[in-house]
Amino acid sequence: MEPLYIDFSDSDSLSGKLKFMGITMTLIGLASTIFCLFDGSSGFFLYISLFWLIYGIAMLTPYPYRISTHNKPFIKVDDTVIEFRTTPFSLPKKEAWQTVSCLTIKPRSLYLETADNRRVKINLSWISHRNVLVIKQTMRDYAASKGLEVIILNG
């Protein structure tokens, strides 16, 4: 089978929730900053407004500008191993297909059950729906080719 490697470094791979939060925070920050400047206030509310503006813009900035290659989220699936880092600034995790006994597919997450009764969660909640579907289909195909039990839960 063809290996899968997805690098979540562009803004297209962000989920709609993250984009919505970024746009909302930017608009609130911009409106309240303009209000503070016209009002002439320079206190705590102005600093909070500027924080919201800057943080909202940072949420919309593509990953290469705010995360180095060492911290970049990714998922890699091939014949021997599943390697992933689904949240920025976390440690990459690696699970060999030999140790996986069951794959559980939920709407926004995957669970790998290993032979030693460990459950490894792959959180997909901030990844775009298109990438989530590709990841789930690839994982299901690999698990089926390895003869593993695949459980699909909707809801």
N, C-alpha and C. Protein backbone atom coordinates (compact mmCIF):
# COMPACT_ATOMS: atom_id res chain seq x y z
N MET A 1 0.84 -1.19 0.00
CA MET A 1 0.00 0.00 0.00
C MET A 1 0.88 1.25 0.00
N GLU A 2 0.30 2.32 -0.43
CA GLU A 2 1.04 3.57 -0.52
C GLU A 2 1.10 4.25 0.85
N PRO A 3 2.30 4.65 1.30
CA PRO A 3 2.41 5.32 2.59
C PRO A 3 1.72 6.68 2.59
N LEU A 4 1.26 7.10 3.76
CA LEU A 4 0.60 8.39 3.92
C LEU A 4 1.46 9.28 4.80
N TYR A 5 1.73 10.49 4.35
CA TYR A 5 2.41 11.48 5.18
C TYR A 5 1.70 12.80 4.98
N ILE A 6 1.13 13.34 6.05
CA ILE A 6 0.48 14.64 6.00
C ILE A 6 1.18 15.56 6.99
N ASP A 7 1.61 16.70 6.49
CA ASP A 7 2.25 17.72 7.29
C ASP A 7 1.22 18.82 7.50
N PHE A 8 0.85 19.09 8.74
CA PHE A 8 -0.18 20.08 9.03
C PHE A 8 0.42 21.47 9.16
N SER A 9 1.13 21.92 8.13
CA SER A 9 1.84 23.19 8.24
C SER A 9 1.15 24.32 7.49
N ASP A 10 0.08 24.04 6.79
CA ASP A 10 -0.59 25.12 6.07
C ASP A 10 -1.94 25.42 6.70
N SER A 11 -2.47 26.59 6.39
CA SER A 11 -3.73 26.98 7.01
C SER A 11 -4.91 26.17 6.47
N ASP A 12 -4.75 25.50 5.34
CA ASP A 12 -5.83 24.66 4.81
C ASP A 12 -6.07 23.44 5.68
N SER A 13 -5.06 23.01 6.42
CA SER A 13 -5.22 21.82 7.25
C SER A 13 -5.82 22.14 8.61
N LEU A 14 -6.04 23.42 8.91
CA LEU A 14 -6.67 23.78 10.18
C LEU A 14 -8.17 23.55 10.09
N SER A 15 -8.78 23.24 11.20
CA SER A 15 -10.22 23.00 11.20
C SER A 15 -10.97 24.32 11.12
N GLY A 16 -12.23 24.23 10.77
CA GLY A 16 -13.08 25.41 10.69
C GLY A 16 -13.26 26.07 12.04
N LYS A 17 -13.25 25.26 13.13
CA LYS A 17 -13.40 25.83 14.47
C LYS A 17 -12.24 26.77 14.79
N LEU A 18 -11.02 26.34 14.45
CA LEU A 18 -9.85 27.16 14.74
C LEU A 18 -9.86 28.44 13.91
N LYS A 19 -10.24 28.33 12.65
CA LYS A 19 -10.33 29.52 11.80
C LYS A 19 -11.41 30.47 12.33
N PHE A 20 -12.56 29.93 12.72
CA PHE A 20 -13.64 30.76 13.26
C PHE A 20 -13.18 31.48 14.52
N MET A 21 -12.51 30.76 15.42
CA MET A 21 -12.02 31.39 16.66
C MET A 21 -11.00 32.49 16.34
N GLY A 22 -10.12 32.25 15.38
CA GLY A 22 -9.13 33.25 15.01
C GLY A 22 -9.77 34.50 14.45
N ILE A 23 -10.73 34.32 13.55
CA ILE A 23 -11.41 35.47 12.95
C ILE A 23 -12.21 36.22 14.01
N THR A 24 -12.91 35.49 14.87
CA THR A 24 -13.71 36.12 15.92
C THR A 24 -12.83 36.91 16.88
N MET A 25 -11.74 36.31 17.35
CA MET A 25 -10.86 37.02 18.28
C MET A 25 -10.23 38.24 17.62
N THR A 26 -9.87 38.13 16.35
CA THR A 26 -9.28 39.26 15.65
C THR A 26 -10.28 40.40 15.53
N LEU A 27 -11.51 40.10 15.16
CA LEU A 27 -12.52 41.14 15.02
C LEU A 27 -12.86 41.80 16.35
N ILE A 28 -13.00 41.00 17.41
CA ILE A 28 -13.27 41.56 18.74
C ILE A 28 -12.10 42.43 19.18
N GLY A 29 -10.89 41.93 18.99
CA GLY A 29 -9.71 42.71 19.37
C GLY A 29 -9.58 43.99 18.59
N LEU A 30 -9.85 43.95 17.29
CA LEU A 30 -9.76 45.15 16.45
C LEU A 30 -10.82 46.17 16.85
N ALA A 31 -12.07 45.72 17.02
CA ALA A 31 -13.15 46.64 17.39
C ALA A 31 -12.90 47.27 18.76
N SER A 32 -12.51 46.47 19.73
CA SER A 32 -12.30 47.02 21.07
C SER A 32 -11.06 47.90 21.13
N THR A 33 -10.03 47.60 20.34
CA THR A 33 -8.84 48.46 20.30
C THR A 33 -9.19 49.81 19.68
N ILE A 34 -9.95 49.80 18.60
CA ILE A 34 -10.37 51.07 17.98
C ILE A 34 -11.23 51.86 18.96
N PHE A 35 -12.14 51.19 19.66
CA PHE A 35 -12.97 51.86 20.66
C PHE A 35 -12.11 52.49 21.75
N CYS A 36 -11.11 51.76 22.23
CA CYS A 36 -10.24 52.28 23.29
C CYS A 36 -9.43 53.49 22.80
N LEU A 37 -8.96 53.43 21.56
CA LEU A 37 -8.17 54.54 21.04
C LEU A 37 -9.02 55.79 20.85
N PHE A 38 -10.26 55.64 20.36
CA PHE A 38 -11.14 56.79 20.21
C PHE A 38 -11.63 57.31 21.55
N ASP A 39 -11.78 56.42 22.51
CA ASP A 39 -12.23 56.80 23.85
C ASP A 39 -11.10 57.46 24.64
N GLY A 40 -9.88 57.18 24.26
CA GLY A 40 -8.73 57.77 24.95
C GLY A 40 -8.28 56.97 26.16
N SER A 41 -8.83 55.79 26.36
CA SER A 41 -8.42 54.99 27.51
C SER A 41 -7.15 54.21 27.17
N SER A 42 -6.30 54.08 28.15
CA SER A 42 -5.05 53.34 27.92
C SER A 42 -4.79 52.37 29.07
N GLY A 43 -5.85 51.85 29.62
CA GLY A 43 -5.70 50.97 30.78
C GLY A 43 -5.70 49.51 30.43
N PHE A 44 -6.19 48.75 31.37
CA PHE A 44 -6.19 47.29 31.27
C PHE A 44 -7.00 46.80 30.07
N PHE A 45 -8.13 47.45 29.80
CA PHE A 45 -8.99 47.03 28.70
C PHE A 45 -8.28 47.16 27.35
N LEU A 46 -7.46 48.18 27.18
CA LEU A 46 -6.71 48.36 25.94
C LEU A 46 -5.71 47.22 25.75
N TYR A 47 -5.03 46.85 26.83
CA TYR A 47 -4.04 45.77 26.73
C TYR A 47 -4.71 44.42 26.43
N ILE A 48 -5.86 44.18 27.02
CA ILE A 48 -6.61 42.95 26.73
C ILE A 48 -7.07 42.96 25.27
N SER A 49 -7.52 44.11 24.79
CA SER A 49 -7.96 44.22 23.39
C SER A 49 -6.81 43.97 22.43
N LEU A 50 -5.66 44.52 22.72
CA LEU A 50 -4.49 44.28 21.87
C LEU A 50 -4.07 42.82 21.90
N PHE A 51 -4.17 42.19 23.07
CA PHE A 51 -3.85 40.76 23.19
C PHE A 51 -4.78 39.94 22.30
N TRP A 52 -6.09 40.22 22.36
CA TRP A 52 -7.05 39.49 21.53
C TRP A 52 -6.75 39.68 20.06
N LEU A 53 -6.40 40.90 19.67
CA LEU A 53 -6.10 41.18 18.27
C LEU A 53 -4.87 40.38 17.81
N ILE A 54 -3.82 40.42 18.58
CA ILE A 54 -2.57 39.73 18.21
C ILE A 54 -2.75 38.22 18.27
N TYR A 55 -3.44 37.72 19.30
CA TYR A 55 -3.65 36.27 19.42
C TYR A 55 -4.54 35.75 18.30
N GLY A 56 -5.56 36.51 17.92
CA GLY A 56 -6.43 36.10 16.81
C GLY A 56 -5.68 36.03 15.50
N ILE A 57 -4.81 37.01 15.25
CA ILE A 57 -4.00 36.98 14.04
C ILE A 57 -3.04 35.80 14.07
N ALA A 58 -2.47 35.52 15.23
CA ALA A 58 -1.55 34.38 15.36
C ALA A 58 -2.26 33.05 15.10
N MET A 59 -3.54 32.95 15.48
CA MET A 59 -4.29 31.71 15.23
C MET A 59 -4.52 31.49 13.75
N LEU A 60 -4.57 32.57 12.98
CA LEU A 60 -4.81 32.46 11.54
C LEU A 60 -3.54 32.33 10.73
N THR A 61 -2.40 32.56 11.37
CA THR A 61 -1.12 32.49 10.67
C THR A 61 -0.79 31.04 10.37
N PRO A 62 -0.38 30.72 9.15
CA PRO A 62 0.00 29.34 8.84
C PRO A 62 1.14 28.86 9.74
N TYR A 63 1.17 27.57 9.98
CA TYR A 63 2.11 27.00 10.93
C TYR A 63 3.59 27.24 10.67
N PRO A 64 4.08 27.31 9.43
CA PRO A 64 5.53 27.48 9.28
C PRO A 64 6.06 28.75 9.92
N TYR A 65 5.20 29.75 10.07
CA TYR A 65 5.66 31.01 10.64
C TYR A 65 5.65 31.01 12.16
N ARG A 66 4.93 30.10 12.77
CA ARG A 66 4.89 30.11 14.23
C ARG A 66 5.37 28.83 14.88
N ILE A 67 5.62 27.80 14.08
CA ILE A 67 6.11 26.55 14.64
C ILE A 67 7.28 26.08 13.80
N SER A 68 8.36 25.72 14.46
CA SER A 68 9.52 25.25 13.71
C SER A 68 9.29 23.82 13.23
N THR A 69 10.19 23.32 12.42
CA THR A 69 10.02 21.97 11.88
C THR A 69 10.12 20.91 12.97
N HIS A 70 10.76 21.24 14.08
CA HIS A 70 10.87 20.27 15.17
C HIS A 70 9.56 20.11 15.93
N ASN A 71 8.68 21.10 15.85
CA ASN A 71 7.42 21.07 16.61
C ASN A 71 6.20 20.89 15.72
N LYS A 72 6.40 20.74 14.44
CA LYS A 72 5.29 20.74 13.48
C LYS A 72 4.46 19.47 13.60
N PRO A 73 3.13 19.61 13.67
CA PRO A 73 2.27 18.43 13.71
C PRO A 73 2.28 17.67 12.39
N PHE A 74 2.23 16.34 12.47
CA PHE A 74 2.24 15.50 11.27
C PHE A 74 1.65 14.15 11.61
N ILE A 75 1.36 13.38 10.58
CA ILE A 75 0.99 11.98 10.75
C ILE A 75 1.61 11.21 9.59
N LYS A 76 2.21 10.08 9.91
CA LYS A 76 2.87 9.25 8.91
C LYS A 76 2.43 7.80 9.14
N VAL A 77 1.87 7.19 8.11
CA VAL A 77 1.41 5.81 8.19
C VAL A 77 2.05 5.04 7.05
N ASP A 78 2.75 3.96 7.37
CA ASP A 78 3.30 3.08 6.33
C ASP A 78 3.12 1.63 6.76
N ASP A 79 3.79 0.71 6.09
CA ASP A 79 3.59 -0.72 6.35
C ASP A 79 4.06 -1.17 7.73
N THR A 80 5.01 -0.47 8.32
CA THR A 80 5.59 -0.94 9.57
C THR A 80 5.19 -0.13 10.79
N VAL A 81 4.95 1.17 10.63
CA VAL A 81 4.79 2.02 11.80
C VAL A 81 3.76 3.13 11.54
N ILE A 82 3.17 3.59 12.64
CA ILE A 82 2.31 4.78 12.64
C ILE A 82 3.04 5.81 13.51
N GLU A 83 3.41 6.92 12.93
CA GLU A 83 4.11 7.97 13.68
C GLU A 83 3.29 9.24 13.57
N PHE A 84 3.09 9.93 14.70
CA PHE A 84 2.24 11.11 14.66
C PHE A 84 2.59 12.10 15.77
N ARG A 85 2.31 13.34 15.51
CA ARG A 85 2.31 14.43 16.48
C ARG A 85 1.11 15.27 16.07
N THR A 86 0.01 15.16 16.79
CA THR A 86 -1.22 15.82 16.36
C THR A 86 -1.44 17.17 17.02
N THR A 87 -0.63 17.52 17.98
CA THR A 87 -0.73 18.85 18.57
C THR A 87 0.64 19.50 18.55
N PRO A 88 0.70 20.79 18.31
CA PRO A 88 2.00 21.46 18.29
C PRO A 88 2.69 21.37 19.65
N PHE A 89 4.00 21.35 19.63
CA PHE A 89 4.85 21.35 20.82
C PHE A 89 4.72 20.09 21.66
N SER A 90 4.17 19.02 21.11
CA SER A 90 4.13 17.76 21.84
C SER A 90 5.20 16.83 21.29
N LEU A 91 5.45 15.77 21.99
CA LEU A 91 6.45 14.80 21.54
C LEU A 91 5.83 13.88 20.49
N PRO A 92 6.58 13.52 19.46
CA PRO A 92 6.02 12.59 18.48
C PRO A 92 5.87 11.20 19.10
N LYS A 93 4.81 10.52 18.70
CA LYS A 93 4.57 9.17 19.18
C LYS A 93 4.68 8.22 18.01
N LYS A 94 5.14 7.02 18.30
CA LYS A 94 5.33 6.01 17.27
C LYS A 94 4.76 4.70 17.78
N GLU A 95 3.99 4.05 16.94
CA GLU A 95 3.41 2.76 17.30
C GLU A 95 3.60 1.81 16.12
N ALA A 96 4.20 0.66 16.37
CA ALA A 96 4.42 -0.33 15.31
C ALA A 96 3.12 -1.09 15.06
N TRP A 97 2.85 -1.42 13.80
CA TRP A 97 1.66 -2.17 13.46
C TRP A 97 1.66 -3.55 14.12
N GLN A 98 2.85 -4.09 14.42
CA GLN A 98 2.94 -5.41 15.05
C GLN A 98 2.31 -5.41 16.43
N THR A 99 2.38 -4.28 17.14
CA THR A 99 1.86 -4.21 18.50
C THR A 99 0.39 -3.82 18.56
N VAL A 100 -0.18 -3.36 17.45
CA VAL A 100 -1.58 -2.92 17.43
C VAL A 100 -2.49 -4.12 17.26
N SER A 101 -3.50 -4.22 18.13
CA SER A 101 -4.43 -5.34 18.03
C SER A 101 -5.81 -4.91 17.53
N CYS A 102 -6.15 -3.63 17.70
CA CYS A 102 -7.48 -3.16 17.30
C CYS A 102 -7.41 -1.67 16.97
N LEU A 103 -8.19 -1.24 16.02
CA LEU A 103 -8.28 0.17 15.64
C LEU A 103 -9.73 0.61 15.83
N THR A 104 -9.95 1.64 16.65
CA THR A 104 -11.28 2.19 16.86
C THR A 104 -11.33 3.57 16.22
N ILE A 105 -12.28 3.76 15.32
CA ILE A 105 -12.42 5.02 14.60
C ILE A 105 -13.65 5.75 15.13
N LYS A 106 -13.42 6.95 15.70
CA LYS A 106 -14.49 7.81 16.17
C LYS A 106 -14.53 9.05 15.27
N PRO A 107 -15.56 9.89 15.39
CA PRO A 107 -15.66 11.03 14.48
C PRO A 107 -14.45 11.97 14.47
N ARG A 108 -13.86 12.30 15.60
CA ARG A 108 -12.73 13.22 15.62
C ARG A 108 -11.50 12.63 16.31
N SER A 109 -11.42 11.31 16.40
CA SER A 109 -10.25 10.69 17.02
C SER A 109 -10.12 9.24 16.57
N LEU A 110 -8.92 8.72 16.75
CA LEU A 110 -8.62 7.31 16.48
C LEU A 110 -8.02 6.72 17.74
N TYR A 111 -8.33 5.49 18.03
CA TYR A 111 -7.74 4.79 19.16
C TYR A 111 -7.03 3.54 18.65
N LEU A 112 -5.78 3.39 19.03
CA LEU A 112 -5.03 2.18 18.72
C LEU A 112 -4.93 1.37 20.00
N GLU A 113 -5.46 0.17 19.99
CA GLU A 113 -5.35 -0.71 21.15
C GLU A 113 -4.20 -1.66 20.88
N THR A 114 -3.24 -1.68 21.81
CA THR A 114 -2.05 -2.49 21.62
C THR A 114 -2.20 -3.85 22.28
N ALA A 115 -1.25 -4.72 22.02
CA ALA A 115 -1.29 -6.08 22.56
C ALA A 115 -1.18 -6.08 24.09
N ASP A 116 -0.53 -5.07 24.67
CA ASP A 116 -0.40 -5.00 26.13
C ASP A 116 -1.52 -4.17 26.76
N ASN A 117 -2.69 -4.10 26.11
CA ASN A 117 -3.90 -3.43 26.60
C ASN A 117 -3.73 -1.93 26.84
N ARG A 118 -2.88 -1.29 26.07
CA ARG A 118 -2.75 0.17 26.12
C ARG A 118 -3.64 0.75 25.03
N ARG A 119 -4.24 1.91 25.30
CA ARG A 119 -5.01 2.63 24.29
C ARG A 119 -4.27 3.91 23.96
N VAL A 120 -3.90 4.07 22.72
CA VAL A 120 -3.20 5.26 22.25
C VAL A 120 -4.20 6.08 21.46
N LYS A 121 -4.43 7.32 21.92
CA LYS A 121 -5.40 8.19 21.26
C LYS A 121 -4.70 9.10 20.26
N ILE A 122 -5.24 9.16 19.06
CA ILE A 122 -4.79 10.11 18.05
C ILE A 122 -5.92 11.13 17.90
N ASN A 123 -5.69 12.33 18.43
CA ASN A 123 -6.71 13.37 18.44
C ASN A 123 -6.69 14.11 17.10
N LEU A 124 -7.84 14.16 16.44
CA LEU A 124 -7.94 14.81 15.13
C LEU A 124 -8.89 16.00 15.17
N SER A 125 -9.14 16.55 16.34
CA SER A 125 -10.19 17.56 16.48
C SER A 125 -9.87 18.90 15.83
N TRP A 126 -8.63 19.25 15.66
CA TRP A 126 -8.32 20.56 15.07
C TRP A 126 -7.88 20.46 13.62
N ILE A 127 -7.92 19.26 13.05
CA ILE A 127 -7.50 19.03 11.67
C ILE A 127 -8.72 19.17 10.75
N SER A 128 -8.52 19.64 9.53
CA SER A 128 -9.63 19.85 8.60
C SER A 128 -10.34 18.53 8.30
N HIS A 129 -11.61 18.64 7.96
CA HIS A 129 -12.44 17.46 7.71
C HIS A 129 -11.90 16.62 6.55
N ARG A 130 -11.39 17.28 5.53
CA ARG A 130 -10.83 16.57 4.37
C ARG A 130 -9.65 15.70 4.80
N ASN A 131 -8.74 16.25 5.60
CA ASN A 131 -7.58 15.48 6.06
C ASN A 131 -8.00 14.37 7.02
N VAL A 132 -9.01 14.63 7.84
CA VAL A 132 -9.49 13.59 8.77
C VAL A 132 -10.01 12.39 7.99
N LEU A 133 -10.76 12.65 6.92
CA LEU A 133 -11.29 11.55 6.11
C LEU A 133 -10.18 10.75 5.44
N VAL A 134 -9.15 11.44 4.95
CA VAL A 134 -8.01 10.75 4.32
C VAL A 134 -7.29 9.88 5.34
N ILE A 135 -7.05 10.44 6.54
CA ILE A 135 -6.35 9.69 7.59
C ILE A 135 -7.15 8.46 7.99
N LYS A 136 -8.44 8.63 8.21
CA LYS A 136 -9.27 7.50 8.63
C LYS A 136 -9.33 6.41 7.58
N GLN A 137 -9.48 6.79 6.32
CA GLN A 137 -9.54 5.79 5.25
C GLN A 137 -8.23 5.03 5.13
N THR A 138 -7.10 5.75 5.22
CA THR A 138 -5.80 5.10 5.13
C THR A 138 -5.57 4.16 6.31
N MET A 139 -5.91 4.61 7.51
CA MET A 139 -5.73 3.76 8.69
C MET A 139 -6.62 2.52 8.59
N ARG A 140 -7.85 2.69 8.11
CA ARG A 140 -8.75 1.54 7.97
C ARG A 140 -8.21 0.55 6.95
N ASP A 141 -7.68 1.05 5.84
CA ASP A 141 -7.12 0.17 4.81
C ASP A 141 -5.90 -0.59 5.33
N TYR A 142 -5.01 0.11 6.03
CA TYR A 142 -3.83 -0.56 6.58
C TYR A 142 -4.23 -1.60 7.62
N ALA A 143 -5.18 -1.25 8.50
CA ALA A 143 -5.61 -2.20 9.53
C ALA A 143 -6.26 -3.43 8.90
N ALA A 144 -7.06 -3.22 7.86
CA ALA A 144 -7.70 -4.35 7.19
C ALA A 144 -6.66 -5.23 6.50
N SER A 145 -5.64 -4.62 5.91
CA SER A 145 -4.60 -5.42 5.25
C SER A 145 -3.76 -6.21 6.25
N LYS A 146 -3.68 -5.72 7.48
CA LYS A 146 -2.93 -6.43 8.53
C LYS A 146 -3.80 -7.46 9.25
N GLY A 147 -5.09 -7.49 8.94
CA GLY A 147 -6.00 -8.43 9.58
C GLY A 147 -6.41 -8.02 10.98
N LEU A 148 -6.40 -6.72 11.26
CA LEU A 148 -6.77 -6.22 12.58
C LEU A 148 -8.26 -5.94 12.65
N GLU A 149 -8.78 -5.96 13.87
CA GLU A 149 -10.18 -5.62 14.09
C GLU A 149 -10.34 -4.11 13.97
N VAL A 150 -11.33 -3.68 13.19
CA VAL A 150 -11.61 -2.25 13.00
C VAL A 150 -13.01 -1.98 13.52
N ILE A 151 -13.12 -1.07 14.49
CA ILE A 151 -14.41 -0.68 15.06
C ILE A 151 -14.68 0.75 14.64
N ILE A 152 -15.82 0.99 14.01
CA ILE A 152 -16.19 2.33 13.57
C ILE A 152 -17.38 2.79 14.40
N LEU A 153 -17.19 3.88 15.15
CA LEU A 153 -18.25 4.44 15.99
C LEU A 153 -18.63 5.81 15.44
N ASN A 154 -19.90 6.01 15.17
CA ASN A 154 -20.40 7.30 14.70
C ASN A 154 -21.21 7.94 15.81
N GLY A 155 -20.82 9.15 16.19
CA GLY A 155 -21.59 9.88 17.19
C GLY A 155 -20.99 9.89 18.53
